[in-house]
N, C-alpha and C. Protein backbone atom coordinates (compact mmCIF):
# COMPACT_ATOMS: atom_id res chain seq x y z
N MET A 1 84.83 -68.76 -46.66
CA MET A 1 85.41 -69.53 -45.57
C MET A 1 85.80 -70.91 -46.11
N THR A 2 87.00 -71.37 -45.78
CA THR A 2 87.44 -72.70 -46.22
C THR A 2 86.72 -73.78 -45.43
N LEU A 3 86.77 -75.00 -45.92
CA LEU A 3 86.15 -76.13 -45.22
C LEU A 3 86.73 -76.27 -43.81
N ILE A 4 88.03 -76.20 -43.68
CA ILE A 4 88.68 -76.36 -42.37
C ILE A 4 88.23 -75.25 -41.42
N GLU A 5 88.16 -74.04 -41.90
CA GLU A 5 87.67 -72.94 -41.06
C GLU A 5 86.22 -73.19 -40.63
N GLN A 6 85.40 -73.70 -41.55
CA GLN A 6 84.00 -74.00 -41.23
C GLN A 6 83.90 -75.10 -40.18
N VAL A 7 84.73 -76.12 -40.31
CA VAL A 7 84.75 -77.23 -39.35
C VAL A 7 85.11 -76.70 -37.95
N LYS A 8 86.11 -75.83 -37.89
CA LYS A 8 86.51 -75.25 -36.60
C LYS A 8 85.37 -74.46 -35.97
N VAL A 9 84.72 -73.63 -36.75
CA VAL A 9 83.61 -72.81 -36.25
C VAL A 9 82.45 -73.70 -35.80
N ASP A 10 82.10 -74.69 -36.61
CA ASP A 10 81.00 -75.58 -36.28
C ASP A 10 81.27 -76.35 -34.99
N LEU A 11 82.45 -76.94 -34.90
CA LEU A 11 82.79 -77.74 -33.71
C LEU A 11 82.87 -76.89 -32.45
N GLU A 12 83.44 -75.72 -32.57
CA GLU A 12 83.54 -74.83 -31.41
C GLU A 12 82.15 -74.52 -30.86
N LYS A 13 81.22 -74.22 -31.75
CA LYS A 13 79.85 -73.90 -31.35
C LYS A 13 79.18 -75.11 -30.69
N ILE A 14 79.35 -76.28 -31.27
CA ILE A 14 78.75 -77.49 -30.71
C ILE A 14 79.32 -77.81 -29.33
N VAL A 15 80.62 -77.74 -29.20
CA VAL A 15 81.25 -78.01 -27.90
C VAL A 15 80.78 -76.99 -26.87
N ASP A 16 80.73 -75.74 -27.25
CA ASP A 16 80.23 -74.72 -26.32
C ASP A 16 78.80 -75.02 -25.87
N GLU A 17 77.96 -75.48 -26.80
CA GLU A 17 76.58 -75.82 -26.43
C GLU A 17 76.54 -77.02 -25.49
N TRP A 18 77.36 -78.03 -25.74
CA TRP A 18 77.43 -79.17 -24.82
C TRP A 18 77.82 -78.69 -23.42
N LEU A 19 78.84 -77.84 -23.37
CA LEU A 19 79.34 -77.38 -22.07
C LEU A 19 78.33 -76.50 -21.34
N ALA A 20 77.44 -75.87 -22.06
CA ALA A 20 76.42 -75.01 -21.44
C ALA A 20 75.25 -75.82 -20.87
N THR A 21 75.18 -77.11 -21.20
CA THR A 21 74.11 -77.96 -20.67
C THR A 21 74.58 -78.65 -19.40
N ASP A 22 73.66 -79.32 -18.75
CA ASP A 22 74.04 -80.16 -17.61
C ASP A 22 73.94 -81.64 -17.97
N TYR A 23 74.05 -81.96 -19.26
CA TYR A 23 73.90 -83.32 -19.74
C TYR A 23 75.11 -84.21 -19.47
N LEU A 24 76.28 -83.63 -19.38
CA LEU A 24 77.50 -84.41 -19.20
C LEU A 24 77.96 -84.33 -17.75
N ARG A 25 78.25 -85.50 -17.20
CA ARG A 25 78.76 -85.57 -15.83
C ARG A 25 80.17 -86.13 -15.84
N GLU A 26 80.91 -85.78 -14.84
CA GLU A 26 82.30 -86.21 -14.71
C GLU A 26 82.44 -87.73 -14.88
N ASP A 27 83.45 -88.11 -15.64
CA ASP A 27 83.83 -89.50 -15.90
C ASP A 27 82.83 -90.29 -16.75
N GLU A 28 81.84 -89.63 -17.34
CA GLU A 28 80.93 -90.35 -18.22
C GLU A 28 81.59 -90.61 -19.56
N LEU A 29 81.01 -91.53 -20.30
CA LEU A 29 81.55 -91.96 -21.58
C LEU A 29 80.78 -91.30 -22.72
N PHE A 30 81.51 -90.62 -23.61
CA PHE A 30 80.95 -89.87 -24.73
C PHE A 30 81.46 -90.50 -26.01
N VAL A 31 80.55 -91.00 -26.86
CA VAL A 31 80.94 -91.69 -28.09
C VAL A 31 80.84 -90.75 -29.28
N ILE A 32 81.82 -90.88 -30.17
CA ILE A 32 81.86 -90.08 -31.40
C ILE A 32 81.96 -91.02 -32.59
N GLY A 33 81.04 -90.85 -33.52
CA GLY A 33 81.14 -91.50 -34.81
C GLY A 33 81.37 -90.39 -35.82
N CYS A 34 82.30 -90.59 -36.74
CA CYS A 34 82.62 -89.48 -37.65
C CYS A 34 83.08 -89.98 -39.01
N SER A 35 82.44 -89.48 -40.04
CA SER A 35 82.91 -89.68 -41.40
C SER A 35 83.52 -88.37 -41.88
N THR A 36 84.84 -88.34 -41.96
CA THR A 36 85.50 -87.13 -42.46
C THR A 36 85.18 -86.95 -43.95
N SER A 37 84.85 -88.03 -44.64
CA SER A 37 84.42 -87.91 -46.04
C SER A 37 83.15 -87.09 -46.13
N GLU A 38 82.18 -87.40 -45.27
CA GLU A 38 80.91 -86.67 -45.25
C GLU A 38 81.14 -85.20 -44.88
N VAL A 39 82.04 -84.95 -43.94
CA VAL A 39 82.37 -83.58 -43.57
C VAL A 39 82.85 -82.80 -44.79
N ALA A 40 83.61 -83.47 -45.64
CA ALA A 40 84.14 -82.85 -46.87
C ALA A 40 83.12 -82.82 -48.00
N GLY A 41 81.91 -83.33 -47.75
CA GLY A 41 80.88 -83.30 -48.78
C GLY A 41 80.94 -84.48 -49.74
N LYS A 42 81.64 -85.53 -49.36
CA LYS A 42 81.77 -86.73 -50.20
C LYS A 42 81.00 -87.89 -49.56
N LYS A 43 80.83 -88.97 -50.32
CA LYS A 43 80.15 -90.16 -49.83
C LYS A 43 80.99 -90.81 -48.73
N ILE A 44 80.31 -91.28 -47.68
CA ILE A 44 80.99 -91.92 -46.55
C ILE A 44 81.97 -92.99 -47.05
N GLY A 45 83.18 -92.97 -46.50
CA GLY A 45 84.18 -93.97 -46.84
C GLY A 45 84.95 -93.74 -48.11
N THR A 46 84.80 -92.57 -48.75
CA THR A 46 85.44 -92.38 -50.05
C THR A 46 86.54 -91.34 -50.07
N ALA A 47 86.57 -90.43 -49.10
CA ALA A 47 87.53 -89.32 -49.18
C ALA A 47 87.98 -88.88 -47.79
N GLY A 48 88.18 -89.84 -46.90
CA GLY A 48 88.58 -89.52 -45.53
C GLY A 48 89.92 -88.82 -45.48
N THR A 49 90.08 -87.99 -44.45
CA THR A 49 91.33 -87.26 -44.28
C THR A 49 91.60 -87.01 -42.81
N GLU A 50 92.83 -87.27 -42.42
CA GLU A 50 93.21 -87.01 -41.03
C GLU A 50 93.37 -85.51 -40.77
N ASP A 51 93.46 -84.70 -41.82
CA ASP A 51 93.51 -83.25 -41.63
C ASP A 51 92.21 -82.75 -41.00
N ILE A 52 91.08 -83.19 -41.54
CA ILE A 52 89.79 -82.84 -40.94
C ILE A 52 89.68 -83.46 -39.56
N ALA A 53 90.09 -84.72 -39.44
CA ALA A 53 90.03 -85.42 -38.15
C ALA A 53 90.80 -84.66 -37.07
N ALA A 54 91.93 -84.07 -37.43
CA ALA A 54 92.76 -83.35 -36.45
C ALA A 54 91.98 -82.20 -35.83
N HIS A 55 91.25 -81.47 -36.63
CA HIS A 55 90.49 -80.32 -36.11
C HIS A 55 89.32 -80.78 -35.26
N ILE A 56 88.68 -81.86 -35.66
CA ILE A 56 87.58 -82.41 -34.87
C ILE A 56 88.11 -82.93 -33.54
N PHE A 57 89.19 -83.67 -33.59
CA PHE A 57 89.80 -84.23 -32.36
C PHE A 57 90.18 -83.12 -31.38
N ARG A 58 90.79 -82.09 -31.88
CA ARG A 58 91.24 -80.99 -31.03
C ARG A 58 90.07 -80.39 -30.24
N GLU A 59 88.97 -80.15 -30.91
CA GLU A 59 87.83 -79.53 -30.25
C GLU A 59 87.13 -80.52 -29.31
N LEU A 60 87.04 -81.77 -29.69
CA LEU A 60 86.44 -82.76 -28.80
C LEU A 60 87.32 -83.03 -27.59
N ASN A 61 88.61 -82.88 -27.76
CA ASN A 61 89.52 -83.01 -26.62
C ASN A 61 89.28 -81.86 -25.63
N ARG A 62 88.92 -80.70 -26.15
CA ARG A 62 88.55 -79.58 -25.26
C ARG A 62 87.31 -79.95 -24.46
N LEU A 63 86.33 -80.56 -25.11
CA LEU A 63 85.13 -81.02 -24.41
C LEU A 63 85.52 -82.01 -23.31
N LYS A 64 86.40 -82.93 -23.64
CA LYS A 64 86.87 -83.92 -22.66
C LYS A 64 87.49 -83.23 -21.44
N GLN A 65 88.37 -82.28 -21.70
CA GLN A 65 89.07 -81.60 -20.60
C GLN A 65 88.13 -80.77 -19.75
N GLU A 66 87.27 -80.00 -20.39
CA GLU A 66 86.41 -79.08 -19.64
C GLU A 66 85.26 -79.78 -18.94
N ALA A 67 84.75 -80.86 -19.51
CA ALA A 67 83.64 -81.60 -18.88
C ALA A 67 84.14 -82.77 -18.05
N ASN A 68 85.44 -83.07 -18.17
CA ASN A 68 86.06 -84.19 -17.44
C ASN A 68 85.35 -85.51 -17.75
N ILE A 69 85.22 -85.80 -19.05
CA ILE A 69 84.57 -87.02 -19.51
C ILE A 69 85.58 -87.89 -20.25
N GLN A 70 85.16 -89.08 -20.63
CA GLN A 70 85.97 -89.99 -21.43
C GLN A 70 85.42 -90.04 -22.85
N LEU A 71 86.29 -90.05 -23.84
CA LEU A 71 85.88 -90.12 -25.25
C LEU A 71 86.07 -91.52 -25.80
N ALA A 72 85.16 -91.91 -26.69
CA ALA A 72 85.26 -93.18 -27.41
C ALA A 72 85.02 -92.88 -28.89
N PHE A 73 86.01 -93.13 -29.73
CA PHE A 73 85.91 -92.85 -31.16
C PHE A 73 85.60 -94.14 -31.91
N GLN A 74 84.45 -94.15 -32.56
CA GLN A 74 83.99 -95.33 -33.29
C GLN A 74 84.78 -95.52 -34.58
N CYS A 75 85.22 -96.75 -34.82
CA CYS A 75 85.86 -97.11 -36.08
C CYS A 75 84.78 -97.36 -37.13
N CYS A 76 85.20 -97.48 -38.36
CA CYS A 76 84.26 -97.73 -39.46
C CYS A 76 83.83 -99.19 -39.47
N GLU A 77 82.95 -99.51 -40.41
CA GLU A 77 82.39 -100.86 -40.50
C GLU A 77 83.45 -101.93 -40.76
N HIS A 78 84.60 -101.57 -41.36
CA HIS A 78 85.64 -102.55 -41.66
C HIS A 78 86.29 -103.10 -40.40
N LEU A 79 86.12 -102.39 -39.29
CA LEU A 79 86.57 -102.91 -37.99
C LEU A 79 85.35 -103.16 -37.09
N ASN A 80 84.21 -103.40 -37.72
CA ASN A 80 82.97 -103.75 -37.00
C ASN A 80 82.56 -102.72 -35.96
N ARG A 81 82.86 -101.46 -36.24
CA ARG A 81 82.50 -100.35 -35.36
C ARG A 81 83.11 -100.48 -33.96
N ALA A 82 84.29 -101.09 -33.91
CA ALA A 82 85.06 -101.12 -32.66
C ALA A 82 85.36 -99.68 -32.28
N LEU A 83 85.90 -99.46 -31.09
CA LEU A 83 86.10 -98.08 -30.62
C LEU A 83 87.48 -97.87 -30.02
N VAL A 84 88.00 -96.67 -30.22
CA VAL A 84 89.28 -96.26 -29.64
C VAL A 84 88.97 -95.50 -28.35
N VAL A 85 89.52 -95.96 -27.25
CA VAL A 85 89.34 -95.32 -25.94
C VAL A 85 90.68 -95.28 -25.23
N GLU A 86 90.73 -94.48 -24.18
CA GLU A 86 91.92 -94.50 -23.32
C GLU A 86 91.91 -95.81 -22.54
N GLN A 87 93.08 -96.34 -22.28
CA GLN A 87 93.21 -97.57 -21.52
C GLN A 87 92.49 -97.48 -20.17
N SER A 88 92.56 -96.32 -19.54
CA SER A 88 91.89 -96.14 -18.24
C SER A 88 90.37 -96.24 -18.37
N ALA A 89 89.81 -95.76 -19.48
CA ALA A 89 88.37 -95.87 -19.70
C ALA A 89 87.97 -97.32 -19.91
N ALA A 90 88.79 -98.07 -20.65
CA ALA A 90 88.49 -99.49 -20.86
C ALA A 90 88.44 -100.21 -19.52
N LYS A 91 89.36 -99.88 -18.65
CA LYS A 91 89.39 -100.51 -17.32
C LYS A 91 88.19 -100.08 -16.49
N THR A 92 87.91 -98.78 -16.45
CA THR A 92 86.80 -98.26 -15.65
C THR A 92 85.47 -98.85 -16.06
N PHE A 93 85.23 -98.98 -17.36
CA PHE A 93 83.94 -99.45 -17.86
C PHE A 93 83.91 -100.95 -18.16
N GLY A 94 84.99 -101.66 -17.86
CA GLY A 94 85.03 -103.10 -18.07
C GLY A 94 84.88 -103.50 -19.53
N LEU A 95 85.61 -102.79 -20.41
CA LEU A 95 85.50 -103.02 -21.85
C LEU A 95 86.57 -104.01 -22.31
N ASP A 96 86.21 -104.89 -23.22
CA ASP A 96 87.13 -105.90 -23.72
C ASP A 96 87.99 -105.35 -24.84
N GLU A 97 89.29 -105.36 -24.60
CA GLU A 97 90.26 -104.88 -25.58
C GLU A 97 90.44 -105.91 -26.69
N VAL A 98 90.64 -105.40 -27.91
CA VAL A 98 90.95 -106.26 -29.05
C VAL A 98 92.27 -105.82 -29.65
N THR A 99 92.84 -106.67 -30.48
CA THR A 99 94.14 -106.37 -31.08
C THR A 99 93.94 -105.90 -32.51
N VAL A 100 94.06 -104.61 -32.71
CA VAL A 100 94.01 -104.01 -34.04
C VAL A 100 94.44 -102.55 -33.90
N ILE A 101 95.02 -102.02 -34.93
CA ILE A 101 95.38 -100.61 -34.96
C ILE A 101 94.60 -99.98 -36.11
N PRO A 102 93.70 -99.03 -35.79
CA PRO A 102 92.93 -98.40 -36.87
C PRO A 102 93.83 -97.58 -37.79
N VAL A 103 93.58 -97.70 -39.08
CA VAL A 103 94.25 -96.89 -40.10
C VAL A 103 93.14 -96.29 -40.94
N PRO A 104 93.42 -95.25 -41.70
CA PRO A 104 92.35 -94.61 -42.48
C PRO A 104 91.56 -95.58 -43.36
N GLU A 105 92.23 -96.59 -43.94
CA GLU A 105 91.56 -97.51 -44.85
C GLU A 105 90.77 -98.60 -44.12
N ALA A 106 91.04 -98.82 -42.85
CA ALA A 106 90.34 -99.84 -42.05
C ALA A 106 90.26 -99.31 -40.62
N GLY A 107 89.20 -98.63 -40.36
CA GLY A 107 89.03 -97.98 -39.07
C GLY A 107 88.51 -96.57 -39.27
N GLY A 108 88.98 -95.94 -40.33
CA GLY A 108 88.56 -94.59 -40.64
C GLY A 108 89.55 -93.55 -40.17
N SER A 109 89.53 -92.40 -40.82
CA SER A 109 90.49 -91.33 -40.52
C SER A 109 90.34 -90.80 -39.11
N MET A 110 89.10 -90.69 -38.62
CA MET A 110 88.89 -90.14 -37.28
C MET A 110 89.44 -91.08 -36.21
N ALA A 111 89.09 -92.36 -36.28
CA ALA A 111 89.58 -93.32 -35.29
C ALA A 111 91.10 -93.48 -35.39
N SER A 112 91.62 -93.46 -36.62
CA SER A 112 93.06 -93.56 -36.82
C SER A 112 93.78 -92.39 -36.17
N PHE A 113 93.27 -91.18 -36.40
CA PHE A 113 93.89 -90.00 -35.81
C PHE A 113 93.80 -90.05 -34.29
N ALA A 114 92.64 -90.42 -33.77
CA ALA A 114 92.46 -90.51 -32.31
C ALA A 114 93.46 -91.50 -31.71
N TYR A 115 93.61 -92.65 -32.34
CA TYR A 115 94.54 -93.67 -31.84
C TYR A 115 95.97 -93.13 -31.75
N LYS A 116 96.36 -92.34 -32.72
CA LYS A 116 97.71 -91.79 -32.75
C LYS A 116 97.92 -90.66 -31.74
N HIS A 117 96.83 -90.03 -31.26
CA HIS A 117 96.97 -88.83 -30.46
C HIS A 117 96.41 -88.91 -29.04
N MET A 118 95.82 -90.03 -28.69
CA MET A 118 95.37 -90.22 -27.31
C MET A 118 96.59 -90.61 -26.47
N GLU A 119 96.48 -90.47 -25.16
CA GLU A 119 97.62 -90.75 -24.28
C GLU A 119 97.99 -92.23 -24.28
N LYS A 120 97.05 -93.10 -23.95
CA LYS A 120 97.28 -94.55 -23.93
C LYS A 120 96.07 -95.23 -24.57
N PRO A 121 96.00 -95.16 -25.90
CA PRO A 121 94.81 -95.69 -26.58
C PRO A 121 94.79 -97.21 -26.64
N VAL A 122 93.60 -97.75 -26.57
CA VAL A 122 93.35 -99.15 -26.86
C VAL A 122 92.10 -99.21 -27.71
N VAL A 123 91.92 -100.32 -28.38
CA VAL A 123 90.70 -100.53 -29.16
C VAL A 123 89.88 -101.57 -28.44
N VAL A 124 88.60 -101.27 -28.28
CA VAL A 124 87.68 -102.21 -27.65
C VAL A 124 86.64 -102.62 -28.67
N GLU A 125 86.16 -103.85 -28.52
CA GLU A 125 85.21 -104.38 -29.49
C GLU A 125 83.87 -103.68 -29.42
N SER A 126 83.45 -103.31 -28.21
CA SER A 126 82.14 -102.72 -28.03
C SER A 126 82.13 -101.94 -26.72
N LEU A 127 81.21 -100.99 -26.63
CA LEU A 127 81.01 -100.30 -25.35
C LEU A 127 79.94 -101.01 -24.53
N GLY A 128 79.29 -102.00 -25.13
CA GLY A 128 78.25 -102.71 -24.42
C GLY A 128 77.10 -101.81 -24.01
N ALA A 129 76.77 -100.86 -24.88
CA ALA A 129 75.68 -99.90 -24.61
C ALA A 129 75.90 -99.18 -23.28
N LYS A 130 77.13 -98.65 -23.08
CA LYS A 130 77.47 -97.97 -21.83
C LYS A 130 77.71 -96.47 -21.98
N ALA A 131 77.69 -95.95 -23.21
CA ALA A 131 77.96 -94.52 -23.41
C ALA A 131 76.77 -93.70 -22.91
N HIS A 132 77.08 -92.57 -22.30
CA HIS A 132 76.07 -91.69 -21.71
C HIS A 132 75.58 -90.62 -22.67
N ALA A 133 76.38 -90.33 -23.69
CA ALA A 133 76.04 -89.29 -24.66
C ALA A 133 76.89 -89.50 -25.90
N GLY A 134 76.55 -88.76 -26.96
CA GLY A 134 77.35 -88.93 -28.16
C GLY A 134 77.07 -87.92 -29.24
N LEU A 135 77.96 -87.92 -30.21
CA LEU A 135 77.90 -87.05 -31.38
C LEU A 135 78.15 -87.91 -32.61
N ASP A 136 77.19 -87.91 -33.52
CA ASP A 136 77.29 -88.67 -34.75
C ASP A 136 77.48 -87.67 -35.89
N ILE A 137 78.63 -87.71 -36.53
CA ILE A 137 78.97 -86.79 -37.61
C ILE A 137 78.94 -87.56 -38.93
N GLY A 138 77.93 -87.30 -39.75
CA GLY A 138 77.84 -87.95 -41.04
C GLY A 138 77.06 -89.26 -41.02
N GLU A 139 76.17 -89.40 -40.07
CA GLU A 139 75.27 -90.56 -39.99
C GLU A 139 76.03 -91.88 -39.96
N THR A 140 76.92 -92.02 -38.99
CA THR A 140 77.74 -93.22 -38.84
C THR A 140 77.14 -94.26 -37.92
N MET A 141 75.99 -93.97 -37.34
CA MET A 141 75.22 -94.92 -36.54
C MET A 141 75.89 -95.29 -35.21
N ILE A 142 75.83 -94.38 -34.25
CA ILE A 142 76.43 -94.62 -32.93
C ILE A 142 75.45 -95.18 -31.91
N ALA A 143 74.18 -95.28 -32.25
CA ALA A 143 73.16 -95.63 -31.25
C ALA A 143 73.44 -96.94 -30.54
N MET A 144 74.07 -97.90 -31.20
CA MET A 144 74.35 -99.19 -30.57
C MET A 144 75.25 -99.06 -29.34
N HIS A 145 75.97 -97.95 -29.22
CA HIS A 145 76.90 -97.77 -28.11
C HIS A 145 76.28 -97.02 -26.93
N LEU A 146 75.10 -96.45 -27.12
CA LEU A 146 74.47 -95.62 -26.08
C LEU A 146 73.62 -96.45 -25.14
N LYS A 147 73.63 -96.03 -23.88
CA LYS A 147 72.77 -96.67 -22.88
C LYS A 147 71.32 -96.40 -23.21
N PRO A 148 70.42 -97.30 -22.81
CA PRO A 148 69.02 -96.92 -22.88
C PRO A 148 68.76 -95.93 -21.74
N VAL A 149 68.03 -94.98 -21.83
CA VAL A 149 67.10 -94.53 -22.84
C VAL A 149 67.75 -93.34 -23.55
N VAL A 150 67.80 -93.39 -24.90
CA VAL A 150 68.44 -92.35 -25.69
C VAL A 150 67.47 -91.18 -25.88
N VAL A 151 68.00 -89.98 -25.65
CA VAL A 151 67.23 -88.75 -25.83
C VAL A 151 67.91 -87.92 -26.91
N PRO A 152 67.28 -87.73 -28.08
CA PRO A 152 67.90 -86.90 -29.11
C PRO A 152 67.96 -85.44 -28.67
N LEU A 153 69.00 -84.76 -29.07
CA LEU A 153 69.18 -83.36 -28.72
C LEU A 153 69.12 -82.49 -29.97
N ARG A 154 68.67 -81.28 -29.80
CA ARG A 154 68.64 -80.32 -30.90
C ARG A 154 69.50 -79.12 -30.51
N PHE A 155 70.63 -79.00 -31.16
CA PHE A 155 71.52 -77.86 -30.96
C PHE A 155 71.34 -76.92 -32.14
N SER A 156 71.92 -75.74 -32.04
CA SER A 156 71.75 -74.76 -33.11
C SER A 156 72.43 -75.19 -34.42
N LYS A 157 73.53 -75.92 -34.32
CA LYS A 157 74.23 -76.40 -35.52
C LYS A 157 73.65 -77.75 -35.93
N LYS A 158 73.42 -77.90 -37.21
CA LYS A 158 72.89 -79.16 -37.75
C LYS A 158 73.92 -79.89 -38.60
N TYR A 159 75.03 -79.20 -38.89
CA TYR A 159 76.07 -79.74 -39.75
C TYR A 159 77.45 -79.41 -39.17
N ILE A 160 78.40 -80.28 -39.47
CA ILE A 160 79.82 -79.98 -39.31
C ILE A 160 80.38 -80.08 -40.71
N GLY A 161 80.84 -78.97 -41.24
CA GLY A 161 81.20 -78.94 -42.65
C GLY A 161 79.96 -79.28 -43.45
N GLU A 162 80.03 -80.32 -44.28
CA GLU A 162 78.91 -80.75 -45.10
C GLU A 162 78.15 -81.93 -44.49
N ALA A 163 78.60 -82.43 -43.35
CA ALA A 163 78.01 -83.64 -42.75
C ALA A 163 76.89 -83.30 -41.77
N ARG A 164 75.75 -83.98 -41.95
CA ARG A 164 74.68 -83.85 -40.97
C ARG A 164 75.13 -84.48 -39.67
N ILE A 165 74.66 -83.91 -38.56
CA ILE A 165 75.04 -84.46 -37.26
C ILE A 165 73.80 -84.88 -36.48
N GLY A 166 74.03 -85.79 -35.56
CA GLY A 166 73.03 -86.19 -34.60
C GLY A 166 73.67 -86.13 -33.23
N LEU A 167 72.94 -85.61 -32.27
CA LEU A 167 73.45 -85.51 -30.90
C LEU A 167 72.47 -86.22 -29.98
N ALA A 168 72.99 -86.86 -28.96
CA ALA A 168 72.12 -87.58 -28.04
C ALA A 168 72.73 -87.65 -26.66
N ARG A 169 71.84 -87.77 -25.69
CA ARG A 169 72.23 -88.07 -24.32
C ARG A 169 71.36 -89.23 -23.88
N THR A 170 71.63 -89.76 -22.74
CA THR A 170 70.78 -90.82 -22.22
C THR A 170 70.24 -90.40 -20.86
N ARG A 171 69.22 -91.09 -20.42
CA ARG A 171 68.67 -90.87 -19.10
C ARG A 171 68.36 -92.23 -18.50
N PRO A 172 68.28 -92.29 -17.17
CA PRO A 172 67.90 -93.57 -16.56
C PRO A 172 66.48 -93.96 -16.98
N LYS A 173 66.23 -95.26 -17.00
CA LYS A 173 64.89 -95.76 -17.33
C LYS A 173 63.91 -95.32 -16.24
N LEU A 174 62.70 -95.01 -16.64
CA LEU A 174 61.61 -94.75 -15.70
C LEU A 174 60.97 -96.11 -15.42
N ILE A 175 60.91 -96.48 -14.14
CA ILE A 175 60.31 -97.77 -13.80
C ILE A 175 59.15 -97.55 -12.86
N GLY A 176 58.30 -98.51 -12.73
CA GLY A 176 57.16 -98.41 -11.82
C GLY A 176 55.87 -98.30 -12.59
N GLY A 177 54.88 -97.81 -11.94
CA GLY A 177 53.57 -97.68 -12.55
C GLY A 177 52.94 -96.39 -12.13
N GLU A 178 51.62 -96.39 -12.01
CA GLU A 178 50.89 -95.16 -11.73
C GLU A 178 51.23 -94.57 -10.37
N ARG A 179 51.75 -95.37 -9.44
CA ARG A 179 52.10 -94.86 -8.10
C ARG A 179 53.55 -94.38 -8.02
N ALA A 180 54.33 -94.63 -9.06
CA ALA A 180 55.74 -94.26 -9.03
C ALA A 180 55.92 -92.74 -9.01
N VAL A 181 56.99 -92.32 -8.36
CA VAL A 181 57.35 -90.91 -8.27
C VAL A 181 58.68 -90.74 -8.98
N TYR A 182 58.79 -89.73 -9.85
CA TYR A 182 60.00 -89.53 -10.63
C TYR A 182 60.77 -88.27 -10.28
N GLN A 183 60.16 -87.35 -9.57
CA GLN A 183 60.84 -86.11 -9.18
C GLN A 183 61.14 -86.17 -7.68
N ASP A 184 62.39 -85.88 -7.33
CA ASP A 184 62.79 -85.82 -5.93
C ASP A 184 62.43 -84.45 -5.39
N THR A 185 61.52 -84.37 -4.46
CA THR A 185 61.06 -83.08 -3.93
C THR A 185 61.74 -82.72 -2.63
N ARG A 186 62.67 -83.55 -2.16
CA ARG A 186 63.39 -83.22 -0.93
C ARG A 186 64.32 -82.06 -1.19
N SER A 187 64.46 -81.18 -0.21
CA SER A 187 65.43 -80.07 -0.37
C SER A 187 66.78 -80.55 0.14
N ASN A 188 67.81 -80.06 -0.49
CA ASN A 188 69.18 -80.48 -0.12
C ASN A 188 69.76 -79.63 0.94
């Protein structure tokens, strides 16, 4: 199996697993960090390719459509991990837009490809820890964008191509003390 075929199979399985859960709710923000270099089995930042990014984007766009969520693609460290989002998501979540266009050499291949293929992309400096869930491909460190409290997930796939992945969702904080109740027992 070629690398591209493996990436397609891996992503399809991961997206199917996300869709089979109840972790994603309509209009929530899903952050993606991705090193296409790591997917290809190379050191992060050394061999990025929009060819790999295209296949990843296509499958994550399916997740967006079927779960009715918003995607945020993290740029690389050269753009301070800024994010590419749809203009409507920036408005909905009150995100501050910045002026930059990600390119493979500054932003990374995944963010660059996303910027070129989203409907009305903008780049925002930060999500302000507002993302509800995420997928980290190649250990790109997306945790700064996730809301507290982060819950790591274990799916059947541990890699996309050659890159290790991390998956996470968030949950509301538990507040109160020994008298607090966390389960709603009322019937609907």
